[in-house]
């Protein structure tokens, strides 16, 4: 159902066509209350709930693929990615694909799957002893200073991480960002560097690929809007599959907002779409439907500041062709 609606929306002009496409994959916690919820469990966050997988298009925030899992589940990533790539290809995405993910998804089997599917990747890795040793071996002259929004100092460098054992060695491009942020209230006497590392097969400059990977954080905004704007804050049923259906409906509602904004050109593409904003400006508007000369007329507020955007978007959406 979700795959078909994506294909139809993209065929009307909401898709990437042959342009490069960045996909953000993440998991979240749908907290529940009460012991009667099927599949709800305590995961690594020690929160009772479900642990769904979500993949979003970085440009629009629309959900491309989602799967509800029980609260303690960490499985299904490989199959999820295969279904995700097949879905966006069938929907009409013919350009290059890049997958971004955090450290919870890093595995060599996932990298092998992405390479087999022809998908580029940028995935965070945990700072475990071998990674830390690799970082400490970076020469000081290799670090390049970058601008960091939170202030303080920030530098990036890259090296090669050789991983594997028993003859299965592989070399991965390891990009490291280190930050030394000062507390504006109480400055530390000797602030330490904090490191964030990720592996990637993108052939891009170190600073540019670090900025690209940092943009993965926008997936959290899309998930938050999925919860607050589309009703995923609650899983109302005690049955797991009923909640899975509720999850699917929430994804459809979330995507419909994105497609309405994109096809109706309600605001520039570089602006973040927030369901609450669109609802207050375009949907929850006091109006009255009247019959005038045998014609239905929608009367809206006289000094409504978004009247031009509403009528323009409505005209553009009405002009879309009818799909069979």
C-alpha atoms as a PDB file:
ATOM      1  CA  UNK A   1       0.000   0.000   0.000  1.00  0.00           C
ATOM      2  CA  UNK A   2       2.714   2.504   0.978  1.00  0.00           C
ATOM      3  CA  UNK A   3       4.916   1.460  -1.935  1.00  0.00           C
ATOM      4  CA  UNK A   4       2.092   1.996  -4.436  1.00  0.00           C
ATOM      5  CA  UNK A   5       1.208   5.444  -3.059  1.00  0.00           C
ATOM      6  CA  UNK A   6       4.863   6.467  -3.309  1.00  0.00           C
ATOM      7  CA  UNK A   7       4.998   5.278  -6.921  1.00  0.00           C
ATOM      8  CA  UNK A   8       1.847   7.226  -7.797  1.00  0.00           C
ATOM      9  CA  UNK A   9       2.994  10.413  -6.062  1.00  0.00           C
ATOM     10  CA  UNK A  10       6.393  10.254  -7.721  1.00  0.00           C
ATOM     11  CA  UNK A  11       4.829   9.675 -11.136  1.00  0.00           C
ATOM     12  CA  UNK A  12       3.029  13.024 -10.677  1.00  0.00           C
ATOM     13  CA  UNK A  13       6.303  14.867 -10.097  1.00  0.00           C
ATOM     14  CA  UNK A  14       7.076  14.389  -6.403  1.00  0.00           C
ATOM     15  CA  UNK A  15       9.928  11.949  -6.991  1.00  0.00           C
ATOM     16  CA  UNK A  16      13.663  12.310  -7.644  1.00  0.00           C
ATOM     17  CA  UNK A  17      13.563  10.858 -11.197  1.00  0.00           C
ATOM     18  CA  UNK A  18      17.223  10.511 -12.251  1.00  0.00           C
ATOM     19  CA  UNK A  19      18.663  12.896  -9.649  1.00  0.00           C
ATOM     20  CA  UNK A  20      20.897  11.531  -6.852  1.00  0.00           C
ATOM     21  CA  UNK A  21      18.951  10.485  -3.775  1.00  0.00           C
ATOM     22  CA  UNK A  22      20.097  10.407  -0.148  1.00  0.00           C
ATOM     23  CA  UNK A  23      18.277   8.013   2.174  1.00  0.00           C
ATOM     24  CA  UNK A  24      18.518   8.233   5.961  1.00  0.00           C
ATOM     25  CA  UNK A  25      17.876   5.059   7.947  1.00  0.00           C
ATOM     26  CA  UNK A  26      17.199   5.086  11.655  1.00  0.00           C
ATOM     27  CA  UNK A  27      15.258   3.361  14.398  1.00  0.00           C
ATOM     28  CA  UNK A  28      13.138   4.907  17.099  1.00  0.00           C
ATOM     29  CA  UNK A  29      11.199   3.964  20.208  1.00  0.00           C
ATOM     30  CA  UNK A  30       7.401   4.067  20.273  1.00  0.00           C
ATOM     31  CA  UNK A  31       6.769   4.059  24.001  1.00  0.00           C
ATOM     32  CA  UNK A  32       3.682   2.246  25.297  1.00  0.00           C
ATOM     33  CA  UNK A  33       2.148   1.900  28.739  1.00  0.00           C
ATOM     34  CA  UNK A  34       0.737  -1.293  30.148  1.00  0.00           C
ATOM     35  CA  UNK A  35       1.793  -4.925  29.969  1.00  0.00           C
ATOM     36  CA  UNK A  36      -0.967  -6.014  27.575  1.00  0.00           C
ATOM     37  CA  UNK A  37       0.700  -4.731  24.378  1.00  0.00           C
ATOM     38  CA  UNK A  38       1.748  -7.622  22.160  1.00  0.00           C
ATOM     39  CA  UNK A  39       5.376  -7.369  21.127  1.00  0.00           C
ATOM     40  CA  UNK A  40       6.192  -4.489  23.478  1.00  0.00           C
ATOM     41  CA  UNK A  41       9.426  -5.053  25.366  1.00  0.00           C
ATOM     42  CA  UNK A  42      12.277  -3.267  27.058  1.00  0.00           C
ATOM     43  CA  UNK A  43      15.147  -2.608  24.657  1.00  0.00           C
ATOM     44  CA  UNK A  44      18.575  -1.101  25.177  1.00  0.00           C
ATOM     45  CA  UNK A  45      16.943   2.224  26.128  1.00  0.00           C
ATOM     46  CA  UNK A  46      15.078   0.525  28.988  1.00  0.00           C
ATOM     47  CA  UNK A  47      11.817   1.972  27.669  1.00  0.00           C
ATOM     48  CA  UNK A  48       8.770  -0.250  27.207  1.00  0.00           C
ATOM     49  CA  UNK A  49       7.568  -0.050  23.625  1.00  0.00           C
ATOM     50  CA  UNK A  50       8.137  -0.974  20.010  1.00  0.00           C
ATOM     51  CA  UNK A  51      11.351  -0.448  18.071  1.00  0.00           C
ATOM     52  CA  UNK A  52      10.432   0.336  14.434  1.00  0.00           C
ATOM     53  CA  UNK A  53      12.816   0.830  11.516  1.00  0.00           C
ATOM     54  CA  UNK A  54      12.314   3.955   9.409  1.00  0.00           C
ATOM     55  CA  UNK A  55      13.961   5.102   6.159  1.00  0.00           C
ATOM     56  CA  UNK A  56      13.341   8.640   4.910  1.00  0.00           C
ATOM     57  CA  UNK A  57      14.249  10.697   1.863  1.00  0.00           C
ATOM     58  CA  UNK A  58      16.637  13.337   3.194  1.00  0.00           C
ATOM     59  CA  UNK A  59      15.360  16.051   0.838  1.00  0.00           C
ATOM     60  CA  UNK A  60      11.678  15.878   1.786  1.00  0.00           C
ATOM     61  CA  UNK A  61      11.470  13.879   5.010  1.00  0.00           C
ATOM     62  CA  UNK A  62       8.921  11.470   3.525  1.00  0.00           C
ATOM     63  CA  UNK A  63       9.053   7.895   4.774  1.00  0.00           C
ATOM     64  CA  UNK A  64      10.182   5.485   2.061  1.00  0.00           C
ATOM     65  CA  UNK A  65       9.993   2.300   4.094  1.00  0.00           C
ATOM     66  CA  UNK A  66       9.022   1.458   7.655  1.00  0.00           C
ATOM     67  CA  UNK A  67       8.625  -1.679   9.713  1.00  0.00           C
ATOM     68  CA  UNK A  68       7.257  -2.136  13.212  1.00  0.00           C
ATOM     69  CA  UNK A  69       9.375  -4.405  15.404  1.00  0.00           C
ATOM     70  CA  UNK A  70       9.049  -5.557  18.970  1.00  0.00           C
ATOM     71  CA  UNK A  71      10.762  -3.449  21.566  1.00  0.00           C
ATOM     72  CA  UNK A  72      13.885  -5.555  22.043  1.00  0.00           C
ATOM     73  CA  UNK A  73      14.479  -6.345  18.367  1.00  0.00           C
ATOM     74  CA  UNK A  74      17.711  -5.374  16.620  1.00  0.00           C
ATOM     75  CA  UNK A  75      17.200  -7.638  13.596  1.00  0.00           C
ATOM     76  CA  UNK A  76      16.010  -7.323  10.038  1.00  0.00           C
ATOM     77  CA  UNK A  77      18.309  -4.563   8.784  1.00  0.00           C
ATOM     78  CA  UNK A  78      19.656  -6.461   5.766  1.00  0.00           C
ATOM     79  CA  UNK A  79      16.256  -7.515   4.490  1.00  0.00           C
ATOM     80  CA  UNK A  80      14.878  -4.044   5.228  1.00  0.00           C
ATOM     81  CA  UNK A  81      17.549  -2.425   3.038  1.00  0.00           C
ATOM     82  CA  UNK A  82      16.910  -4.862   0.176  1.00  0.00           C
ATOM     83  CA  UNK A  83      13.198  -4.069   0.270  1.00  0.00           C
ATOM     84  CA  UNK A  84      13.944  -0.334   0.545  1.00  0.00           C
ATOM     85  CA  UNK A  85      16.183  -0.219  -2.522  1.00  0.00           C
ATOM     86  CA  UNK A  86      13.792  -2.343  -4.573  1.00  0.00           C
ATOM     87  CA  UNK A  87      10.897  -0.084  -3.577  1.00  0.00           C
ATOM     88  CA  UNK A  88      12.509   3.214  -4.575  1.00  0.00           C
ATOM     89  CA  UNK A  89      13.732   1.713  -7.854  1.00  0.00           C
ATOM     90  CA  UNK A  90      10.249   0.473  -8.733  1.00  0.00           C
ATOM     91  CA  UNK A  91       8.814   3.861  -7.760  1.00  0.00           C
ATOM     92  CA  UNK A  92      11.001   5.593 -10.348  1.00  0.00           C
ATOM     93  CA  UNK A  93      14.276   6.600  -8.652  1.00  0.00           C
ATOM     94  CA  UNK A  94      16.856   5.905 -11.374  1.00  0.00           C
ATOM     95  CA  UNK A  95      19.722   8.047 -10.079  1.00  0.00           C
ATOM     96  CA  UNK A  96      22.521   7.253  -7.650  1.00  0.00           C
ATOM     97  CA  UNK A  97      21.513   6.224  -4.123  1.00  0.00           C
ATOM     98  CA  UNK A  98      23.372   6.989  -0.891  1.00  0.00           C
ATOM     99  CA  UNK A  99      22.426   5.491   2.474  1.00  0.00           C
ATOM    100  CA  UNK A 100      23.297   7.223   5.745  1.00  0.00           C
ATOM    101  CA  UNK A 101      22.943   5.524   9.112  1.00  0.00           C
ATOM    102  CA  UNK A 102      24.246   5.671  12.668  1.00  0.00           C
ATOM    103  CA  UNK A 103      26.479   3.233  14.526  1.00  0.00           C
ATOM    104  CA  UNK A 104      23.649   0.892  15.454  1.00  0.00           C
ATOM    105  CA  UNK A 105      23.440  -0.271  11.829  1.00  0.00           C
ATOM    106  CA  UNK A 106      27.134  -0.772  11.127  1.00  0.00           C
ATOM    107  CA  UNK A 107      28.000  -4.305  10.071  1.00  0.00           C
ATOM    108  CA  UNK A 108      30.106  -5.821   7.322  1.00  0.00           C
ATOM    109  CA  UNK A 109      27.129  -7.779   6.037  1.00  0.00           C
ATOM    110  CA  UNK A 110      25.199  -4.506   5.560  1.00  0.00           C
ATOM    111  CA  UNK A 111      28.128  -3.002   3.663  1.00  0.00           C
ATOM    112  CA  UNK A 112      28.267  -6.092   1.456  1.00  0.00           C
ATOM    113  CA  UNK A 113      24.527  -5.817   0.785  1.00  0.00           C
ATOM    114  CA  UNK A 114      24.798  -2.143  -0.159  1.00  0.00           C
ATOM    115  CA  UNK A 115      27.774  -2.810  -2.431  1.00  0.00           C
ATOM    116  CA  UNK A 116      25.876  -5.621  -4.138  1.00  0.00           C
ATOM    117  CA  UNK A 117      22.888  -3.324  -4.712  1.00  0.00           C
ATOM    118  CA  UNK A 118      25.085  -0.510  -6.056  1.00  0.00           C
ATOM    119  CA  UNK A 119      24.255   1.869  -3.198  1.00  0.00           C
ATOM    120  CA  UNK A 120      26.869   4.207  -1.699  1.00  0.00           C
ATOM    121  CA  UNK A 121      27.040   4.452   2.072  1.00  0.00           C
ATOM    122  CA  UNK A 122      28.105   6.652   4.979  1.00  0.00           C
ATOM    123  CA  UNK A 123      27.707   4.905   8.337  1.00  0.00           C
ATOM    124  CA  UNK A 124      28.827   5.907  11.822  1.00  0.00           C
ATOM    125  CA  UNK A 125      31.045   3.508  13.757  1.00  0.00           C
ATOM    126  CA  UNK A 126      31.413   3.137  17.502  1.00  0.00           C
ATOM    127  CA  UNK A 127      34.700   4.285  19.040  1.00  0.00           C
ATOM    128  CA  UNK A 128      35.856   0.845  20.141  1.00  0.00           C
ATOM    129  CA  UNK A 129      39.539   0.030  20.899  1.00  0.00           C
ATOM    130  CA  UNK A 130      40.598  -0.741  17.305  1.00  0.00           C
ATOM    131  CA  UNK A 131      38.924   2.408  15.966  1.00  0.00           C
ATOM    132  CA  UNK A 132      40.478   4.469  18.744  1.00  0.00           C
ATOM    133  CA  UNK A 133      43.927   3.092  17.956  1.00  0.00           C
ATOM    134  CA  UNK A 134      43.396   4.005  14.306  1.00  0.00           C
ATOM    135  CA  UNK A 135      42.385   7.548  15.292  1.00  0.00           C
ATOM    136  CA  UNK A 136      45.371   7.983  17.597  1.00  0.00           C
ATOM    137  CA  UNK A 137      47.675   7.041  14.722  1.00  0.00           C
ATOM    138  CA  UNK A 138      46.541  10.050  12.653  1.00  0.00           C
ATOM    139  CA  UNK A 139      49.297  12.621  12.360  1.00  0.00           C
ATOM    140  CA  UNK A 140      48.526  16.035  13.876  1.00  0.00           C
ATOM    141  CA  UNK A 141      49.282  17.731  10.574  1.00  0.00           C
ATOM    142  CA  UNK A 142      46.425  15.816   8.922  1.00  0.00           C
ATOM    143  CA  UNK A 143      43.713  17.538  10.979  1.00  0.00           C
ATOM    144  CA  UNK A 144      41.842  20.339   9.185  1.00  0.00           C
ATOM    145  CA  UNK A 145      39.912  23.000  11.078  1.00  0.00           C
ATOM    146  CA  UNK A 146      36.219  23.371  10.215  1.00  0.00           C
ATOM    147  CA  UNK A 147      33.408  25.665  11.257  1.00  0.00           C
ATOM    148  CA  UNK A 148      31.180  24.062  13.892  1.00  0.00           C
ATOM    149  CA  UNK A 149      27.782  25.549  14.817  1.00  0.00           C
ATOM    150  CA  UNK A 150      28.155  24.885  18.537  1.00  0.00           C
ATOM    151  CA  UNK A 151      31.308  26.938  18.773  1.00  0.00           C
ATOM    152  CA  UNK A 152      34.584  25.785  20.254  1.00  0.00           C
ATOM    153  CA  UNK A 153      37.105  23.926  18.107  1.00  0.00           C
ATOM    154  CA  UNK A 154      36.361  21.299  15.477  1.00  0.00           C
ATOM    155  CA  UNK A 155      38.673  19.468  13.107  1.00  0.00           C
ATOM    156  CA  UNK A 156      38.369  16.593  10.637  1.00  0.00           C
ATOM    157  CA  UNK A 157      40.821  14.090   9.226  1.00  0.00           C
ATOM    158  CA  UNK A 158      40.678  10.758   7.487  1.00  0.00           C
ATOM    159  CA  UNK A 159      42.610   7.527   7.500  1.00  0.00           C
ATOM    160  CA  UNK A 160      42.251   3.935   6.361  1.00  0.00           C
ATOM    161  CA  UNK A 161      40.777   1.405   8.747  1.00  0.00           C
ATOM    162  CA  UNK A 162      41.849  -2.159   8.047  1.00  0.00           C
ATOM    163  CA  UNK A 163      39.260  -4.532   9.482  1.00  0.00           C
ATOM    164  CA  UNK A 164      38.605  -8.249   9.458  1.00  0.00           C
ATOM    165  CA  UNK A 165      40.482 -11.417  10.356  1.00  0.00           C
ATOM    166  CA  UNK A 166      41.319 -14.905   9.103  1.00  0.00           C
ATOM    167  CA  UNK A 167      42.125 -13.668   5.600  1.00  0.00           C
ATOM    168  CA  UNK A 168      38.966 -11.575   5.247  1.00  0.00           C
ATOM    169  CA  UNK A 169      40.684  -8.212   5.581  1.00  0.00           C
ATOM    170  CA  UNK A 170      39.131  -5.121   4.067  1.00  0.00           C
ATOM    171  CA  UNK A 171      40.162  -1.474   3.929  1.00  0.00           C
ATOM    172  CA  UNK A 172      37.574   1.177   4.754  1.00  0.00           C
ATOM    173  CA  UNK A 173      37.782   4.936   4.448  1.00  0.00           C
ATOM    174  CA  UNK A 174      37.469   6.245   8.006  1.00  0.00           C
ATOM    175  CA  UNK A 175      36.586   9.927   8.458  1.00  0.00           C
ATOM    176  CA  UNK A 176      36.965  11.352  11.962  1.00  0.00           C
ATOM    177  CA  UNK A 177      35.668  14.599  13.404  1.00  0.00           C
ATOM    178  CA  UNK A 178      36.993  15.776  16.735  1.00  0.00           C
ATOM    179  CA  UNK A 179      35.437  18.591  18.726  1.00  0.00           C
ATOM    180  CA  UNK A 180      36.502  20.481  21.803  1.00  0.00           C
ATOM    181  CA  UNK A 181      33.515  22.529  22.891  1.00  0.00           C
ATOM    182  CA  UNK A 182      33.767  25.003  25.707  1.00  0.00           C
ATOM    183  CA  UNK A 183      31.054  25.487  28.303  1.00  0.00           C
ATOM    184  CA  UNK A 184      30.100  29.200  28.155  1.00  0.00           C
ATOM    185  CA  UNK A 185      29.333  29.154  31.895  1.00  0.00           C
ATOM    186  CA  UNK A 186      32.271  27.161  33.268  1.00  0.00           C
ATOM    187  CA  UNK A 187      35.323  26.732  31.056  1.00  0.00           C
ATOM    188  CA  UNK A 188      37.312  23.508  31.497  1.00  0.00           C
ATOM    189  CA  UNK A 189      40.994  23.884  32.359  1.00  0.00           C
ATOM    190  CA  UNK A 190      42.119  21.167  29.904  1.00  0.00           C
ATOM    191  CA  UNK A 191      39.177  20.302  27.633  1.00  0.00           C
ATOM    192  CA  UNK A 192      39.507  16.938  25.922  1.00  0.00           C
ATOM    193  CA  UNK A 193      38.794  16.107  22.296  1.00  0.00           C
ATOM    194  CA  UNK A 194      35.602  14.189  21.578  1.00  0.00           C
ATOM    195  CA  UNK A 195      35.672  11.996  18.478  1.00  0.00           C
ATOM    196  CA  UNK A 196      32.971  10.997  16.014  1.00  0.00           C
ATOM    197  CA  UNK A 197      33.924   8.558  13.250  1.00  0.00           C
ATOM    198  CA  UNK A 198      32.198   7.080  10.232  1.00  0.00           C
ATOM    199  CA  UNK A 199      33.122   4.893   7.288  1.00  0.00           C
ATOM    200  CA  UNK A 200      32.129   5.754   3.750  1.00  0.00           C
ATOM    201  CA  UNK A 201      32.837   4.815   0.155  1.00  0.00           C
ATOM    202  CA  UNK A 202      31.970   8.279  -1.166  1.00  0.00           C
ATOM    203  CA  UNK A 203      34.738   9.870  -3.212  1.00  0.00           C
ATOM    204  CA  UNK A 204      34.394  13.367  -1.780  1.00  0.00           C
ATOM    205  CA  UNK A 205      36.664  15.845  -0.018  1.00  0.00           C
ATOM    206  CA  UNK A 206      37.068  15.175   3.714  1.00  0.00           C
ATOM    207  CA  UNK A 207      35.357  18.364   4.877  1.00  0.00           C
ATOM    208  CA  UNK A 208      32.508  17.995   2.373  1.00  0.00           C
ATOM    209  CA  UNK A 209      31.828  14.358   3.244  1.00  0.00           C
ATOM    210  CA  UNK A 210      31.835  15.211   6.963  1.00  0.00           C
ATOM    211  CA  UNK A 211      29.238  17.947   6.388  1.00  0.00           C
ATOM    212  CA  UNK A 212      27.202  15.527   4.290  1.00  0.00           C
ATOM    213  CA  UNK A 213      27.253  12.907   7.028  1.00  0.00           C
ATOM    214  CA  UNK A 214      26.298  15.450   9.715  1.00  0.00           C
ATOM    215  CA  UNK A 215      23.092  16.168   7.796  1.00  0.00           C
ATOM    216  CA  UNK A 216      21.941  12.678   8.763  1.00  0.00           C
ATOM    217  CA  UNK A 217      20.638  14.294  11.965  1.00  0.00           C
ATOM    218  CA  UNK A 218      17.644  15.650  10.017  1.00  0.00           C
ATOM    219  CA  UNK A 219      16.115  12.156  10.113  1.00  0.00           C
ATOM    220  CA  UNK A 220      15.338  12.788  13.776  1.00  0.00           C
ATOM    221  CA  UNK A 221      13.194  15.780  12.773  1.00  0.00           C
ATOM    222  CA  UNK A 222      11.252  13.635  10.303  1.00  0.00           C
ATOM    223  CA  UNK A 223      10.671  10.945  12.954  1.00  0.00           C
ATOM    224  CA  UNK A 224       9.563  13.564  15.457  1.00  0.00           C
ATOM    225  CA  UNK A 225       7.064  14.919  12.949  1.00  0.00           C
ATOM    226  CA  UNK A 226       5.902  11.368  12.234  1.00  0.00           C
ATOM    227  CA  UNK A 227       5.094  11.015  15.922  1.00  0.00           C
ATOM    228  CA  UNK A 228       3.720  14.473  16.687  1.00  0.00           C
ATOM    229  CA  UNK A 229       2.084  15.254  13.356  1.00  0.00           C
ATOM    230  CA  UNK A 230       0.815  11.877  12.147  1.00  0.00           C
ATOM    231  CA  UNK A 231      -0.248  10.124  15.328  1.00  0.00           C
ATOM    232  CA  UNK A 232       2.615   7.708  15.976  1.00  0.00           C
ATOM    233  CA  UNK A 233       2.983   8.899  19.561  1.00  0.00           C
ATOM    234  CA  UNK A 234       0.389   6.280  20.504  1.00  0.00           C
ATOM    235  CA  UNK A 235      -0.139   2.652  19.509  1.00  0.00           C
ATOM    236  CA  UNK A 236      -3.768   2.235  20.554  1.00  0.00           C
ATOM    237  CA  UNK A 237      -4.336  -1.511  20.252  1.00  0.00           C
ATOM    238  CA  UNK A 238      -3.181  -4.405  22.384  1.00  0.00           C
ATOM    239  CA  UNK A 239      -2.644  -6.455  19.195  1.00  0.00           C
ATOM    240  CA  UNK A 240       0.728  -6.177  17.472  1.00  0.00           C
ATOM    241  CA  UNK A 241      -0.584  -6.368  13.901  1.00  0.00           C
ATOM    242  CA  UNK A 242      -3.298  -3.794  14.614  1.00  0.00           C
ATOM    243  CA  UNK A 243      -0.573  -1.437  15.791  1.00  0.00           C
ATOM    244  CA  UNK A 244       1.431  -2.287  12.657  1.00  0.00           C
ATOM    245  CA  UNK A 245      -1.585  -1.188  10.581  1.00  0.00           C
ATOM    246  CA  UNK A 246      -1.811   1.998  12.656  1.00  0.00           C
ATOM    247  CA  UNK A 247       1.880   2.542  11.956  1.00  0.00           C
ATOM    248  CA  UNK A 248       1.248   2.209   8.211  1.00  0.00           C
ATOM    249  CA  UNK A 249      -1.611   4.730   8.362  1.00  0.00           C
ATOM    250  CA  UNK A 250       0.622   7.186  10.235  1.00  0.00           C
ATOM    251  CA  UNK A 251       3.275   6.837   7.516  1.00  0.00           C
ATOM    252  CA  UNK A 252       0.675   7.535   4.814  1.00  0.00           C
ATOM    253  CA  UNK A 253      -0.592  10.628   6.648  1.00  0.00           C
ATOM    254  CA  UNK A 254       2.984  11.840   7.097  1.00  0.00           C
ATOM    255  CA  UNK A 255       3.776  11.368   3.411  1.00  0.00           C
ATOM    256  CA  UNK A 256       0.546  12.988   2.214  1.00  0.00           C
ATOM    257  CA  UNK A 257       1.593  16.204   3.920  1.00  0.00           C
ATOM    258  CA  UNK A 258       4.971  16.104   2.137  1.00  0.00           C
ATOM    259  CA  UNK A 259       3.429  15.379  -1.250  1.00  0.00           C
ATOM    260  CA  UNK A 260       0.849  18.148  -0.788  1.00  0.00           C
ATOM    261  CA  UNK A 261       3.611  20.634  -0.030  1.00  0.00           C
ATOM    262  CA  UNK A 262       5.812  19.452  -2.894  1.00  0.00           C
ATOM    263  CA  UNK A 263       3.167  19.131  -5.615  1.00  0.00           C
ATOM    264  CA  UNK A 264       1.354  22.271  -4.477  1.00  0.00           C
ATOM    265  CA  UNK A 265       4.620  24.227  -4.138  1.00  0.00           C
ATOM    266  CA  UNK A 266       3.489  25.598  -0.808  1.00  0.00           C
ATOM    267  CA  UNK A 267       6.967  26.627   0.286  1.00  0.00           C
ATOM    268  CA  UNK A 268      10.551  26.354  -1.032  1.00  0.00           C
ATOM    269  CA  UNK A 269      12.143  22.913  -1.159  1.00  0.00           C
ATOM    270  CA  UNK A 270      14.966  23.901   1.187  1.00  0.00           C
ATOM    271  CA  UNK A 271      12.510  24.609   4.018  1.00  0.00           C
ATOM    272  CA  UNK A 272      11.604  21.858   6.453  1.00  0.00           C
ATOM    273  CA  UNK A 273       8.021  20.639   6.226  1.00  0.00           C
ATOM    274  CA  UNK A 274       6.313  20.499   9.620  1.00  0.00           C
ATOM    275  CA  UNK A 275       2.827  19.010   9.787  1.00  0.00           C
ATOM    276  CA  UNK A 276       1.698  21.284  12.609  1.00  0.00           C
ATOM    277  CA  UNK A 277       2.616  24.385  10.588  1.00  0.00           C
ATOM    278  CA  UNK A 278       0.815  23.183   7.478  1.00  0.00           C
ATOM    279  CA  UNK A 279      -2.233  22.209   9.510  1.00  0.00           C
ATOM    280  CA  UNK A 280      -2.501  25.604  11.196  1.00  0.00           C
ATOM    281  CA  UNK A 281      -1.947  27.569   7.983  1.00  0.00           C
ATOM    282  CA  UNK A 282      -3.688  25.525   5.304  1.00  0.00           C
ATOM    283  CA  UNK A 283      -5.974  22.917   6.853  1.00  0.00           C
ATOM    284  CA  UNK A 284      -7.480  24.027  10.169  1.00  0.00           C
ATOM    285  CA  UNK A 285      -8.815  27.283   8.746  1.00  0.00           C
ATOM    286  CA  UNK A 286     -12.248  28.655   9.693  1.00  0.00           C
ATOM    287  CA  UNK A 287     -14.400  28.673   6.591  1.00  0.00           C
ATOM    288  CA  UNK A 288     -17.940  28.093   5.373  1.00  0.00           C
ATOM    289  CA  UNK A 289     -19.213  26.186   2.370  1.00  0.00           C
ATOM    290  CA  UNK A 290     -22.224  27.990   0.863  1.00  0.00           C
ATOM    291  CA  UNK A 291     -24.478  27.381  -2.124  1.00  0.00           C
ATOM    292  CA  UNK A 292     -24.516  30.401  -4.386  1.00  0.00           C
ATOM    293  CA  UNK A 293     -26.317  30.278  -7.728  1.00  0.00           C
ATOM    294  CA  UNK A 294     -26.197  26.473  -7.620  1.00  0.00           C
ATOM    295  CA  UNK A 295     -22.479  26.559  -7.138  1.00  0.00           C
ATOM    296  CA  UNK A 296     -20.635  25.546  -3.992  1.00  0.00           C
ATOM    297  CA  UNK A 297     -18.413  28.370  -2.770  1.00  0.00           C
ATOM    298  CA  UNK A 298     -15.878  28.092   0.035  1.00  0.00           C
ATOM    299  CA  UNK A 299     -15.770  31.326   2.010  1.00  0.00           C
ATOM    300  CA  UNK A 300     -12.525  31.875   3.907  1.00  0.00           C
ATOM    301  CA  UNK A 301     -11.295  34.639   6.248  1.00  0.00           C
ATOM    302  CA  UNK A 302     -10.964  37.995   4.526  1.00  0.00           C
ATOM    303  CA  UNK A 303      -7.517  38.876   5.874  1.00  0.00           C
ATOM    304  CA  UNK A 304      -6.043  35.392   5.766  1.00  0.00           C
ATOM    305  CA  UNK A 305      -2.252  35.839   5.197  1.00  0.00           C
ATOM    306  CA  UNK A 306      -1.819  32.507   3.395  1.00  0.00           C
ATOM    307  CA  UNK A 307      -4.748  32.863   1.002  1.00  0.00           C
ATOM    308  CA  UNK A 308      -2.481  33.212  -2.050  1.00  0.00           C
ATOM    309  CA  UNK A 309      -0.462  30.118  -1.118  1.00  0.00           C
ATOM    310  CA  UNK A 310      -3.640  28.130  -0.497  1.00  0.00           C
ATOM    311  CA  UNK A 311      -5.377  29.045  -3.757  1.00  0.00           C
ATOM    312  CA  UNK A 312      -2.173  28.622  -5.777  1.00  0.00           C
ATOM    313  CA  UNK A 313      -1.445  25.236  -4.254  1.00  0.00           C
ATOM    314  CA  UNK A 314      -5.036  24.119  -4.715  1.00  0.00           C
ATOM    315  CA  UNK A 315      -4.944  25.121  -8.392  1.00  0.00           C
ATOM    316  CA  UNK A 316      -1.696  23.227  -8.978  1.00  0.00           C
ATOM    317  CA  UNK A 317      -2.949  20.083  -7.241  1.00  0.00           C
ATOM    318  CA  UNK A 318      -6.261  20.191  -9.142  1.00  0.00           C
ATOM    319  CA  UNK A 319      -4.344  20.416 -12.434  1.00  0.00           C
ATOM    320  CA  UNK A 320      -2.568  17.116 -11.801  1.00  0.00           C
ATOM    321  CA  UNK A 321      -3.679  14.297 -14.122  1.00  0.00           C
ATOM    322  CA  UNK A 322      -5.967  11.588 -12.799  1.00  0.00           C
ATOM    323  CA  UNK A 323      -4.203   8.253 -12.297  1.00  0.00           C
ATOM    324  CA  UNK A 324      -5.851   5.012 -13.237  1.00  0.00           C
END
